[in-house]
Amino acid sequence: MTFKQTYEIQKDNQLLINLPDGFKKKKRVMVIIEDIKEEQEDKFKLMKKAAKDPLFLADIEEVNEDFKNIDKELI
């Protein structure tokens, strides 16, 4: 099982990680600490927001419709 989540670093430079129930009987886990740039986080938030944006989704659907027949030619 894999569990991935972003945490804020506390003032004491420590992290407290509450594991999901699926890890209760596990004896060992691997923890990887990765520095995340704030800009990258902001981009991910915008991508998640765009995935629900009606105008963005309409644009994607329009592009898909434009290329629908071309895609069939390659088969």
PDB file of N, CA and C in Angstrom:
ATOM      1  N   MET A   1       0.839  -1.168   0.000  1.00  0.00           N
ATOM      2  CA  MET A   1       0.000   0.000   0.000  1.00  0.00           C
ATOM      3  C   MET A   1       0.890   1.240   0.000  1.00  0.00           C
ATOM      4  N   THR A   2       0.471   2.248  -0.727  1.00  0.00           N
ATOM      5  CA  THR A   2       1.211   3.510  -0.786  1.00  0.00           C
ATOM      6  C   THR A   2       0.331   4.630  -0.267  1.00  0.00           C
ATOM      7  N   PHE A   3       0.897   5.488   0.526  1.00  0.00           N
ATOM      8  CA  PHE A   3       0.201   6.638   1.085  1.00  0.00           C
ATOM      9  C   PHE A   3       1.072   7.853   0.837  1.00  0.00           C
ATOM     10  N   LYS A   4       0.524   8.841   0.145  1.00  0.00           N
ATOM     11  CA  LYS A   4       1.304  10.033  -0.174  1.00  0.00           C
ATOM     12  C   LYS A   4       0.492  11.257   0.210  1.00  0.00           C
ATOM     13  N   GLN A   5       1.105  12.141   0.978  1.00  0.00           N
ATOM     14  CA  GLN A   5       0.419  13.342   1.407  1.00  0.00           C
ATOM     15  C   GLN A   5       1.459  14.419   1.672  1.00  0.00           C
ATOM     16  N   THR A   6       1.089  15.667   1.455  1.00  0.00           N
ATOM     17  CA  THR A   6       1.976  16.791   1.713  1.00  0.00           C
ATOM     18  C   THR A   6       1.676  17.343   3.099  1.00  0.00           C
ATOM     19  N   TYR A   7       2.722  17.608   3.858  1.00  0.00           N
ATOM     20  CA  TYR A   7       2.582  18.111   5.213  1.00  0.00           C
ATOM     21  C   TYR A   7       3.284  19.453   5.354  1.00  0.00           C
ATOM     22  N   GLU A   8       2.781  20.268   6.258  1.00  0.00           N
ATOM     23  CA  GLU A   8       3.450  21.514   6.622  1.00  0.00           C
ATOM     24  C   GLU A   8       4.468  21.202   7.718  1.00  0.00           C
ATOM     25  N   ILE A   9       5.645  21.789   7.621  1.00  0.00           N
ATOM     26  CA  ILE A   9       6.676  21.580   8.634  1.00  0.00           C
ATOM     27  C   ILE A   9       6.347  22.455   9.847  1.00  0.00           C
ATOM     28  N   GLN A  10       6.378  21.845  11.030  1.00  0.00           N
ATOM     29  CA  GLN A  10       6.069  22.561  12.269  1.00  0.00           C
ATOM     30  C   GLN A  10       7.250  23.441  12.680  1.00  0.00           C
ATOM     31  N   LYS A  11       7.004  24.357  13.604  1.00  0.00           N
ATOM     32  CA  LYS A  11       8.039  25.277  14.077  1.00  0.00           C
ATOM     33  C   LYS A  11       9.238  24.545  14.670  1.00  0.00           C
ATOM     34  N   ASP A  12       9.002  23.386  15.270  1.00  0.00           N
ATOM     35  CA  ASP A  12      10.095  22.629  15.882  1.00  0.00           C
ATOM     36  C   ASP A  12      10.823  21.741  14.870  1.00  0.00           C
ATOM     37  N   ASN A  13      10.522  21.936  13.581  1.00  0.00           N
ATOM     38  CA  ASN A  13      11.163  21.210  12.484  1.00  0.00           C
ATOM     39  C   ASN A  13      10.884  19.708  12.554  1.00  0.00           C
ATOM     40  N   GLN A  14       9.687  19.339  13.045  1.00  0.00           N
ATOM     41  CA  GLN A  14       9.292  17.947  13.132  1.00  0.00           C
ATOM     42  C   GLN A  14       7.974  17.736  12.404  1.00  0.00           C
ATOM     43  N   LEU A  15       7.747  16.483  12.016  1.00  0.00           N
ATOM     44  CA  LEU A  15       6.493  16.087  11.388  1.00  0.00           C
ATOM     45  C   LEU A  15       5.832  15.006  12.228  1.00  0.00           C
ATOM     46  N   LEU A  16       4.526  15.071  12.342  1.00  0.00           N
ATOM     47  CA  LEU A  16       3.759  14.024  12.981  1.00  0.00           C
ATOM     48  C   LEU A  16       2.842  13.471  11.897  1.00  0.00           C
ATOM     49  N   ILE A  17       3.028  12.197  11.561  1.00  0.00           N
ATOM     50  CA  ILE A  17       2.278  11.583  10.472  1.00  0.00           C
ATOM     51  C   ILE A  17       1.306  10.566  11.043  1.00  0.00           C
ATOM     52  N   ASN A  18       0.033  10.800  10.843  1.00  0.00           N
ATOM     53  CA  ASN A  18      -1.001   9.840  11.227  1.00  0.00           C
ATOM     54  C   ASN A  18      -1.250   8.936  10.030  1.00  0.00           C
ATOM     55  N   LEU A  19      -0.931   7.663  10.185  1.00  0.00           N
ATOM     56  CA  LEU A  19      -1.073   6.711   9.091  1.00  0.00           C
ATOM     57  C   LEU A  19      -2.518   6.225   8.976  1.00  0.00           C
ATOM     58  N   PRO A  20      -2.955   5.909   7.747  1.00  0.00           N
ATOM     59  CA  PRO A  20      -4.292   5.359   7.558  1.00  0.00           C
ATOM     60  C   PRO A  20      -4.420   3.984   8.226  1.00  0.00           C
ATOM     61  N   ASP A  21      -5.662   3.549   8.435  1.00  0.00           N
ATOM     62  CA  ASP A  21      -5.929   2.273   9.106  1.00  0.00           C
ATOM     63  C   ASP A  21      -5.253   1.089   8.423  1.00  0.00           C
ATOM     64  N   GLY A  22      -5.050   1.158   7.118  1.00  0.00           N
ATOM     65  CA  GLY A  22      -4.430   0.063   6.388  1.00  0.00           C
ATOM     66  C   GLY A  22      -3.012  -0.255   6.840  1.00  0.00           C
ATOM     67  N   PHE A  23      -2.408   0.634   7.591  1.00  0.00           N
ATOM     68  CA  PHE A  23      -1.036   0.447   8.063  1.00  0.00           C
ATOM     69  C   PHE A  23      -0.967  -0.072   9.500  1.00  0.00           C
ATOM     70  N   LYS A  24      -2.088  -0.311  10.146  1.00  0.00           N
ATOM     71  CA  LYS A  24      -2.103  -0.674  11.568  1.00  0.00           C
ATOM     72  C   LYS A  24      -1.254  -1.892  11.897  1.00  0.00           C
ATOM     73  N   LYS A  25      -1.278  -2.914  11.088  1.00  0.00           N
ATOM     74  CA  LYS A  25      -0.547  -4.149  11.405  1.00  0.00           C
ATOM     75  C   LYS A  25       0.848  -4.184  10.789  1.00  0.00           C
ATOM     76  N   LYS A  26       1.240  -3.128  10.133  1.00  0.00           N
ATOM     77  CA  LYS A  26       2.566  -3.083   9.507  1.00  0.00           C
ATOM     78  C   LYS A  26       3.635  -2.810  10.557  1.00  0.00           C
ATOM     79  N   LYS A  27       4.786  -3.429  10.371  1.00  0.00           N
ATOM     80  CA  LYS A  27       5.906  -3.252  11.297  1.00  0.00           C
ATOM     81  C   LYS A  27       6.889  -2.197  10.802  1.00  0.00           C
ATOM     82  N   ARG A  28       6.977  -2.041   9.482  1.00  0.00           N
ATOM     83  CA  ARG A  28       7.939  -1.109   8.912  1.00  0.00           C
ATOM     84  C   ARG A  28       7.306  -0.359   7.746  1.00  0.00           C
ATOM     85  N   VAL A  29       7.691   0.890   7.565  1.00  0.00           N
ATOM     86  CA  VAL A  29       7.283   1.690   6.410  1.00  0.00           C
ATOM     87  C   VAL A  29       8.503   2.476   5.935  1.00  0.00           C
ATOM     88  N   MET A  30       8.462   2.908   4.700  1.00  0.00           N
ATOM     89  CA  MET A  30       9.542   3.734   4.170  1.00  0.00           C
ATOM     90  C   MET A  30       9.037   5.169   4.077  1.00  0.00           C
ATOM     91  N   VAL A  31       9.808   6.095   4.603  1.00  0.00           N
ATOM     92  CA  VAL A  31       9.466   7.508   4.567  1.00  0.00           C
ATOM     93  C   VAL A  31      10.507   8.213   3.707  1.00  0.00           C
ATOM     94  N   ILE A  32      10.040   8.941   2.708  1.00  0.00           N
ATOM     95  CA  ILE A  32      10.928   9.718   1.839  1.00  0.00           C
ATOM     96  C   ILE A  32      10.558  11.188   2.017  1.00  0.00           C
ATOM     97  N   ILE A  33      11.535  11.986   2.358  1.00  0.00           N
ATOM     98  CA  ILE A  33      11.308  13.417   2.551  1.00  0.00           C
ATOM     99  C   ILE A  33      11.769  14.141   1.291  1.00  0.00           C
ATOM    100  N   GLU A  34      10.853  14.875   0.681  1.00  0.00           N
ATOM    101  CA  GLU A  34      11.155  15.582  -0.558  1.00  0.00           C
ATOM    102  C   GLU A  34      10.785  17.042  -0.401  1.00  0.00           C
ATOM    103  N   ASP A  35      11.687  17.920  -0.787  1.00  0.00           N
ATOM    104  CA  ASP A  35      11.439  19.351  -0.732  1.00  0.00           C
ATOM    105  C   ASP A  35      10.474  19.716  -1.859  1.00  0.00           C
ATOM    106  N   ILE A  36       9.377  20.377  -1.537  1.00  0.00           N
ATOM    107  CA  ILE A  36       8.389  20.754  -2.541  1.00  0.00           C
ATOM    108  C   ILE A  36       8.391  22.273  -2.669  1.00  0.00           C
ATOM    109  N   LYS A  37       8.592  22.722  -3.858  1.00  0.00           N
ATOM    110  CA  LYS A  37       8.579  24.152  -4.118  1.00  0.00           C
ATOM    111  C   LYS A  37       7.146  24.655  -4.071  1.00  0.00           C
ATOM    112  N   GLU A  38       6.965  25.810  -3.458  1.00  0.00           N
ATOM    113  CA  GLU A  38       5.622  26.387  -3.314  1.00  0.00           C
ATOM    114  C   GLU A  38       4.975  26.602  -4.684  1.00  0.00           C
ATOM    115  N   GLU A  39       5.765  27.003  -5.653  1.00  0.00           N
ATOM    116  CA  GLU A  39       5.242  27.249  -6.995  1.00  0.00           C
ATOM    117  C   GLU A  39       4.653  25.970  -7.589  1.00  0.00           C
ATOM    118  N   GLN A  40       5.317  24.852  -7.371  1.00  0.00           N
ATOM    119  CA  GLN A  40       4.836  23.581  -7.887  1.00  0.00           C
ATOM    120  C   GLN A  40       3.505  23.204  -7.227  1.00  0.00           C
ATOM    121  N   GLU A  41       3.397  23.440  -5.936  1.00  0.00           N
ATOM    122  CA  GLU A  41       2.144  23.161  -5.226  1.00  0.00           C
ATOM    123  C   GLU A  41       1.014  24.013  -5.794  1.00  0.00           C
ATOM    124  N   ASP A  42       1.308  25.288  -6.051  1.00  0.00           N
ATOM    125  CA  ASP A  42       0.295  26.182  -6.609  1.00  0.00           C
ATOM    126  C   ASP A  42      -0.171  25.697  -7.978  1.00  0.00           C
ATOM    127  N   LYS A  43       0.754  25.190  -8.785  1.00  0.00           N
ATOM    128  CA  LYS A  43       0.390  24.672 -10.102  1.00  0.00           C
ATOM    129  C   LYS A  43      -0.508  23.447  -9.983  1.00  0.00           C
ATOM    130  N   PHE A  44      -0.200  22.567  -9.030  1.00  0.00           N
ATOM    131  CA  PHE A  44      -1.046  21.385  -8.825  1.00  0.00           C
ATOM    132  C   PHE A  44      -2.453  21.789  -8.386  1.00  0.00           C
ATOM    133  N   LYS A  45      -2.544  22.788  -7.525  1.00  0.00           N
ATOM    134  CA  LYS A  45      -3.853  23.266  -7.080  1.00  0.00           C
ATOM    135  C   LYS A  45      -4.652  23.825  -8.270  1.00  0.00           C
ATOM    136  N   LEU A  46      -3.975  24.575  -9.147  1.00  0.00           N
ATOM    137  CA  LEU A  46      -4.643  25.124 -10.321  1.00  0.00           C
ATOM    138  C   LEU A  46      -5.091  24.026 -11.278  1.00  0.00           C
ATOM    139  N   MET A  47      -4.268  22.974 -11.439  1.00  0.00           N
ATOM    140  CA  MET A  47      -4.651  21.865 -12.319  1.00  0.00           C
ATOM    141  C   MET A  47      -5.874  21.137 -11.765  1.00  0.00           C
ATOM    142  N   LYS A  48      -5.919  20.948 -10.454  1.00  0.00           N
ATOM    143  CA  LYS A  48      -7.087  20.301  -9.841  1.00  0.00           C
ATOM    144  C   LYS A  48      -8.334  21.158 -10.029  1.00  0.00           C
ATOM    145  N   LYS A  49      -8.159  22.469  -9.912  1.00  0.00           N
ATOM    146  CA  LYS A  49      -9.281  23.386 -10.102  1.00  0.00           C
ATOM    147  C   LYS A  49      -9.754  23.364 -11.550  1.00  0.00           C
ATOM    148  N   ALA A  50      -8.811  23.334 -12.496  1.00  0.00           N
ATOM    149  CA  ALA A  50      -9.150  23.317 -13.921  1.00  0.00           C
ATOM    150  C   ALA A  50      -9.904  22.050 -14.295  1.00  0.00           C
ATOM    151  N   ALA A  51      -9.595  20.955 -13.632  1.00  0.00           N
ATOM    152  CA  ALA A  51     -10.246  19.680 -13.939  1.00  0.00           C
ATOM    153  C   ALA A  51     -11.744  19.723 -13.664  1.00  0.00           C
ATOM    154  N   LYS A  52     -12.193  20.715 -12.912  1.00  0.00           N
ATOM    155  CA  LYS A  52     -13.618  20.854 -12.600  1.00  0.00           C
ATOM    156  C   LYS A  52     -14.227  22.099 -13.246  1.00  0.00           C
ATOM    157  N   ASP A  53     -13.411  22.892 -13.944  1.00  0.00           N
ATOM    158  CA  ASP A  53     -13.876  24.140 -14.536  1.00  0.00           C
ATOM    159  C   ASP A  53     -14.681  23.874 -15.814  1.00  0.00           C
ATOM    160  N   PRO A  54     -15.942  24.307 -15.870  1.00  0.00           N
ATOM    161  CA  PRO A  54     -16.794  24.013 -17.022  1.00  0.00           C
ATOM    162  C   PRO A  54     -16.246  24.572 -18.348  1.00  0.00           C
ATOM    163  N   LEU A  55     -15.680  25.765 -18.329  1.00  0.00           N
ATOM    164  CA  LEU A  55     -15.143  26.342 -19.566  1.00  0.00           C
ATOM    165  C   LEU A  55     -13.929  25.565 -20.065  1.00  0.00           C
ATOM    166  N   PHE A  56     -13.050  25.199 -19.154  1.00  0.00           N
ATOM    167  CA  PHE A  56     -11.878  24.406 -19.522  1.00  0.00           C
ATOM    168  C   PHE A  56     -12.303  23.055 -20.090  1.00  0.00           C
ATOM    169  N   LEU A  57     -13.244  22.403 -19.411  1.00  0.00           N
ATOM    170  CA  LEU A  57     -13.714  21.097 -19.871  1.00  0.00           C
ATOM    171  C   LEU A  57     -14.402  21.202 -21.229  1.00  0.00           C
ATOM    172  N   ALA A  58     -15.122  22.301 -21.465  1.00  0.00           N
ATOM    173  CA  ALA A  58     -15.760  22.508 -22.773  1.00  0.00           C
ATOM    174  C   ALA A  58     -14.703  22.687 -23.861  1.00  0.00           C
ATOM    175  N   ASP A  59     -13.637  23.402 -23.553  1.00  0.00           N
ATOM    176  CA  ASP A  59     -12.541  23.581 -24.515  1.00  0.00           C
ATOM    177  C   ASP A  59     -11.889  22.241 -24.846  1.00  0.00           C
ATOM    178  N   ILE A  60     -11.641  21.432 -23.834  1.00  0.00           N
ATOM    179  CA  ILE A  60     -11.030  20.119 -24.050  1.00  0.00           C
ATOM    180  C   ILE A  60     -11.945  19.253 -24.913  1.00  0.00           C
ATOM    181  N   GLU A  61     -13.237  19.291 -24.630  1.00  0.00           N
ATOM    182  CA  GLU A  61     -14.200  18.509 -25.408  1.00  0.00           C
ATOM    183  C   GLU A  61     -14.225  18.972 -26.867  1.00  0.00           C
ATOM    184  N   GLU A  62     -14.135  20.275 -27.075  1.00  0.00           N
ATOM    185  CA  GLU A  62     -14.120  20.821 -28.439  1.00  0.00           C
ATOM    186  C   GLU A  62     -12.884  20.343 -29.200  1.00  0.00           C
ATOM    187  N   VAL A  63     -11.734  20.362 -28.564  1.00  0.00           N
ATOM    188  CA  VAL A  63     -10.502  19.891 -29.204  1.00  0.00           C
ATOM    189  C   VAL A  63     -10.613  18.395 -29.503  1.00  0.00           C
ATOM    190  N   ASN A  64     -11.129  17.627 -28.562  1.00  0.00           N
ATOM    191  CA  ASN A  64     -11.315  16.193 -28.790  1.00  0.00           C
ATOM    192  C   ASN A  64     -12.240  15.939 -29.973  1.00  0.00           C
ATOM    193  N   GLU A  65     -13.291  16.716 -30.061  1.00  0.00           N
ATOM    194  CA  GLU A  65     -14.247  16.579 -31.171  1.00  0.00           C
ATOM    195  C   GLU A  65     -13.560  16.899 -32.506  1.00  0.00           C
ATOM    196  N   ASP A  66     -12.729  17.935 -32.526  1.00  0.00           N
ATOM    197  CA  ASP A  66     -12.016  18.320 -33.752  1.00  0.00           C
ATOM    198  C   ASP A  66     -11.101  17.207 -34.250  1.00  0.00           C
ATOM    199  N   PHE A  67     -10.501  16.459 -33.344  1.00  0.00           N
ATOM    200  CA  PHE A  67      -9.541  15.434 -33.728  1.00  0.00           C
ATOM    201  C   PHE A  67     -10.132  14.023 -33.755  1.00  0.00           C
ATOM    202  N   LYS A  68     -11.397  13.897 -33.450  1.00  0.00           N
ATOM    203  CA  LYS A  68     -12.038  12.586 -33.379  1.00  0.00           C
ATOM    204  C   LYS A  68     -11.865  11.801 -34.678  1.00  0.00           C
ATOM    205  N   ASN A  69     -12.138  12.414 -35.808  1.00  0.00           N
ATOM    206  CA  ASN A  69     -12.049  11.718 -37.100  1.00  0.00           C
ATOM    207  C   ASN A  69     -10.604  11.438 -37.505  1.00  0.00           C
ATOM    208  N   ILE A  70      -9.707  12.316 -37.151  1.00  0.00           N
ATOM    209  CA  ILE A  70      -8.296  12.113 -37.479  1.00  0.00           C
ATOM    210  C   ILE A  70      -7.745  10.908 -36.726  1.00  0.00           C
ATOM    211  N   ASP A  71      -8.118  10.759 -35.475  1.00  0.00           N
ATOM    212  CA  ASP A  71      -7.658   9.635 -34.666  1.00  0.00           C
ATOM    213  C   ASP A  71      -8.100   8.305 -35.284  1.00  0.00           C
ATOM    214  N   LYS A  72      -9.270   8.262 -35.856  1.00  0.00           N
ATOM    215  CA  LYS A  72      -9.780   7.030 -36.448  1.00  0.00           C
ATOM    216  C   LYS A  72      -9.008   6.645 -37.703  1.00  0.00           C
ATOM    217  N   GLU A  73      -8.426   7.619 -38.403  1.00  0.00           N
ATOM    218  CA  GLU A  73      -7.655   7.330 -39.618  1.00  0.00           C
ATOM    219  C   GLU A  73      -6.396   6.539 -39.324  1.00  0.00           C
ATOM    220  N   LEU A  74      -5.850   6.670 -38.122  1.00  0.00           N
ATOM    221  CA  LEU A  74      -4.599   6.001 -37.777  1.00  0.00           C
ATOM    222  C   LEU A  74      -4.791   4.533 -37.418  1.00  0.00           C
ATOM    223  N   ILE A  75      -6.021   4.141 -37.165  1.00  0.00           N
ATOM    224  CA  ILE A  75      -6.290   2.758 -36.739  1.00  0.00           C
ATOM    225  C   ILE A  75      -6.251   1.815 -37.906  1.00  0.00           C
TER     226      ILE A  75
END
